[in-house]
Amino acid sequence: MGNGTIAEEYLLEKLTEAKIHFERALDCKHTDFDDLYPYMIEHPQFFWYKRYVAWSELLTIVKLCRELEVDWTAQFSSRQEEYIIGKVMSGKVLDYWYETNDTKEHVG
């Protein structure tokens, strides 16, 4: 019954993709969302909405990992884990997602 390993690998890959998507949205970089809704770029609420969509995607993948007992925490700092467990995206999440706000280790 080797499907458990395949499912776990698949979920962890999707988790990585969701994390990158969220971090790209945080950094105001291009994501697939921009391609889906190019007209939104003209609206001030666009970046908030784009971040919300990416955050929702990340929480959904984490929820699936939890339900299937896949360890999702290895890819996140303890602070990021707290934000995800809290589920609410706030200015605090946006400002302090990265360990230090002045680091340049953001997504490329």
C-alpha atoms as a PDB file:
ATOM      1  CA  MET A   1       0.000   0.000   0.000  1.00  0.00           C
ATOM      2  CA  GLY A   2       2.668   2.512  -1.069  1.00  0.00           C
ATOM      3  CA  ASN A   3       0.136   5.231  -1.861  1.00  0.00           C
ATOM      4  CA  GLY A   4       0.630   6.841   1.577  1.00  0.00           C
ATOM      5  CA  THR A   5       4.121   7.993   0.666  1.00  0.00           C
ATOM      6  CA  ILE A   6       2.981   9.280  -2.710  1.00  0.00           C
ATOM      7  CA  ALA A   7       0.084  11.182  -1.113  1.00  0.00           C
ATOM      8  CA  GLU A   8       2.388  12.643   1.537  1.00  0.00           C
ATOM      9  CA  GLU A   9       4.956  13.723  -1.061  1.00  0.00           C
ATOM     10  CA  TYR A  10       2.198  15.248  -3.166  1.00  0.00           C
ATOM     11  CA  LEU A  11       0.753  17.187  -0.223  1.00  0.00           C
ATOM     12  CA  LEU A  12       4.167  18.458   0.826  1.00  0.00           C
ATOM     13  CA  GLU A  13       4.833  19.597  -2.745  1.00  0.00           C
ATOM     14  CA  LYS A  14       1.487  21.443  -2.786  1.00  0.00           C
ATOM     15  CA  LEU A  15       2.312  22.934   0.614  1.00  0.00           C
ATOM     16  CA  THR A  16       5.611  24.264  -0.740  1.00  0.00           C
ATOM     17  CA  GLU A  17       3.814  25.736  -3.742  1.00  0.00           C
ATOM     18  CA  ALA A  18       1.179  27.374  -1.517  1.00  0.00           C
ATOM     19  CA  LYS A  19       3.857  28.843   0.754  1.00  0.00           C
ATOM     20  CA  ILE A  20       5.746  30.260  -2.232  1.00  0.00           C
ATOM     21  CA  HIS A  21       2.508  31.631  -3.673  1.00  0.00           C
ATOM     22  CA  PHE A  22       1.687  33.363  -0.378  1.00  0.00           C
ATOM     23  CA  GLU A  23       5.187  34.777  -0.012  1.00  0.00           C
ATOM     24  CA  ARG A  24       5.165  36.060  -3.589  1.00  0.00           C
ATOM     25  CA  ALA A  25       1.826  37.739  -2.867  1.00  0.00           C
ATOM     26  CA  LEU A  26       3.299  39.253   0.322  1.00  0.00           C
ATOM     27  CA  ASP A  27       6.232  40.606  -1.659  1.00  0.00           C
ATOM     28  CA  CYS A  28       3.883  42.003  -4.358  1.00  0.00           C
ATOM     29  CA  LYS A  29       5.459  39.745  -6.970  1.00  0.00           C
ATOM     30  CA  HIS A  30       3.714  38.119  -9.909  1.00  0.00           C
ATOM     31  CA  THR A  31       1.538  35.086  -9.179  1.00  0.00           C
ATOM     32  CA  ASP A  32      -0.941  33.030 -11.177  1.00  0.00           C
ATOM     33  CA  PHE A  33      -3.653  35.249  -9.701  1.00  0.00           C
ATOM     34  CA  ASP A  34      -2.317  38.176 -11.757  1.00  0.00           C
ATOM     35  CA  ASP A  35      -2.873  36.177 -14.935  1.00  0.00           C
ATOM     36  CA  LEU A  36      -6.419  35.265 -13.931  1.00  0.00           C
ATOM     37  CA  TYR A  37      -7.457  38.813 -13.035  1.00  0.00           C
ATOM     38  CA  PRO A  38      -5.166  41.257 -14.879  1.00  0.00           C
ATOM     39  CA  TYR A  39      -7.725  44.059 -14.624  1.00  0.00           C
ATOM     40  CA  MET A  40      -7.526  43.934 -10.810  1.00  0.00           C
ATOM     41  CA  ILE A  41      -4.033  45.457 -10.807  1.00  0.00           C
ATOM     42  CA  GLU A  42      -5.680  48.829 -11.407  1.00  0.00           C
ATOM     43  CA  HIS A  43      -7.649  48.632  -8.152  1.00  0.00           C
ATOM     44  CA  PRO A  44      -6.150  49.559  -4.755  1.00  0.00           C
ATOM     45  CA  GLN A  45      -7.698  46.556  -2.984  1.00  0.00           C
ATOM     46  CA  PHE A  46      -6.019  44.162  -5.420  1.00  0.00           C
ATOM     47  CA  PHE A  47      -2.948  43.390  -3.310  1.00  0.00           C
ATOM     48  CA  TRP A  48      -4.996  42.736  -0.185  1.00  0.00           C
ATOM     49  CA  TYR A  49      -7.309  40.424  -2.106  1.00  0.00           C
ATOM     50  CA  LYS A  50      -4.391  38.659  -3.811  1.00  0.00           C
ATOM     51  CA  ARG A  51      -2.797  38.028  -0.397  1.00  0.00           C
ATOM     52  CA  TYR A  52      -6.080  36.797   1.025  1.00  0.00           C
ATOM     53  CA  VAL A  53      -6.487  34.289  -1.823  1.00  0.00           C
ATOM     54  CA  ALA A  54      -2.926  33.000  -1.325  1.00  0.00           C
ATOM     55  CA  TRP A  55      -3.427  32.812   2.471  1.00  0.00           C
ATOM     56  CA  SER A  56      -6.649  30.828   1.995  1.00  0.00           C
ATOM     57  CA  GLU A  57      -4.858  28.419  -0.309  1.00  0.00           C
ATOM     58  CA  LEU A  58      -2.079  27.917   2.250  1.00  0.00           C
ATOM     59  CA  LEU A  59      -4.577  27.294   5.074  1.00  0.00           C
ATOM     60  CA  THR A  60      -6.483  24.791   2.931  1.00  0.00           C
ATOM     61  CA  ILE A  61      -3.358  22.755   2.184  1.00  0.00           C
ATOM     62  CA  VAL A  62      -2.341  22.846   5.871  1.00  0.00           C
ATOM     63  CA  LYS A  63      -5.836  21.652   6.817  1.00  0.00           C
ATOM     64  CA  LEU A  64      -5.520  18.709   4.423  1.00  0.00           C
ATOM     65  CA  CYS A  65      -2.080  17.879   5.836  1.00  0.00           C
ATOM     66  CA  ARG A  66      -3.465  17.903   9.369  1.00  0.00           C
ATOM     67  CA  GLU A  67      -6.439  15.731   8.455  1.00  0.00           C
ATOM     68  CA  LEU A  68      -4.169  13.214   6.729  1.00  0.00           C
ATOM     69  CA  GLU A  69      -1.588  13.411   9.544  1.00  0.00           C
ATOM     70  CA  VAL A  70       1.174  14.795   7.323  1.00  0.00           C
ATOM     71  CA  ASP A  71       3.693  16.948   9.186  1.00  0.00           C
ATOM     72  CA  TRP A  72       3.362  20.386   7.625  1.00  0.00           C
ATOM     73  CA  THR A  73       5.410  22.298  10.205  1.00  0.00           C
ATOM     74  CA  ALA A  74       8.915  21.585   8.880  1.00  0.00           C
ATOM     75  CA  GLN A  75       8.638  24.285   6.200  1.00  0.00           C
ATOM     76  CA  PHE A  76       7.723  27.057   8.618  1.00  0.00           C
ATOM     77  CA  SER A  77       9.291  28.973  11.473  1.00  0.00           C
ATOM     78  CA  SER A  78       7.585  28.751  14.868  1.00  0.00           C
ATOM     79  CA  ARG A  79       6.201  32.259  14.362  1.00  0.00           C
ATOM     80  CA  GLN A  80       4.747  31.281  10.981  1.00  0.00           C
ATOM     81  CA  GLU A  81       3.228  28.151  12.537  1.00  0.00           C
ATOM     82  CA  GLU A  82       1.484  30.343  15.120  1.00  0.00           C
ATOM     83  CA  TYR A  83       0.035  32.546  12.383  1.00  0.00           C
ATOM     84  CA  ILE A  84      -1.201  29.528  10.435  1.00  0.00           C
ATOM     85  CA  ILE A  85      -2.705  27.887  13.508  1.00  0.00           C
ATOM     86  CA  GLY A  86      -4.396  31.200  14.336  1.00  0.00           C
ATOM     87  CA  LYS A  87      -5.824  31.208  10.772  1.00  0.00           C
ATOM     88  CA  VAL A  88      -6.459  34.954  10.733  1.00  0.00           C
ATOM     89  CA  MET A  89      -4.428  37.006   8.308  1.00  0.00           C
ATOM     90  CA  SER A  90      -3.744  40.365   9.861  1.00  0.00           C
ATOM     91  CA  GLY A  91      -1.315  43.214   9.511  1.00  0.00           C
ATOM     92  CA  LYS A  92       0.886  41.318  11.979  1.00  0.00           C
ATOM     93  CA  VAL A  93       1.115  38.354   9.590  1.00  0.00           C
ATOM     94  CA  LEU A  94       1.870  40.681   6.700  1.00  0.00           C
ATOM     95  CA  ASP A  95       4.510  42.627   8.626  1.00  0.00           C
ATOM     96  CA  TYR A  96       6.209  39.777  10.484  1.00  0.00           C
ATOM     97  CA  TRP A  97       5.830  36.684   8.303  1.00  0.00           C
ATOM     98  CA  TYR A  98       9.561  36.704   7.725  1.00  0.00           C
ATOM     99  CA  GLU A  99      11.746  36.358  10.811  1.00  0.00           C
ATOM    100  CA  THR A 100      13.048  39.886  10.416  1.00  0.00           C
ATOM    101  CA  ASN A 101      11.412  42.539   8.356  1.00  0.00           C
ATOM    102  CA  ASP A 102      14.707  43.817   6.955  1.00  0.00           C
ATOM    103  CA  THR A 103      15.982  40.487   5.676  1.00  0.00           C
ATOM    104  CA  LYS A 104      16.261  40.009   1.927  1.00  0.00           C
ATOM    105  CA  GLU A 105      15.445  36.305   2.127  1.00  0.00           C
ATOM    106  CA  HIS A 106      12.095  36.865   0.501  1.00  0.00           C
ATOM    107  CA  VAL A 107      10.877  34.703  -2.350  1.00  0.00           C
ATOM    108  CA  GLY A 108      12.649  35.234  -5.665  1.00  0.00           C
END
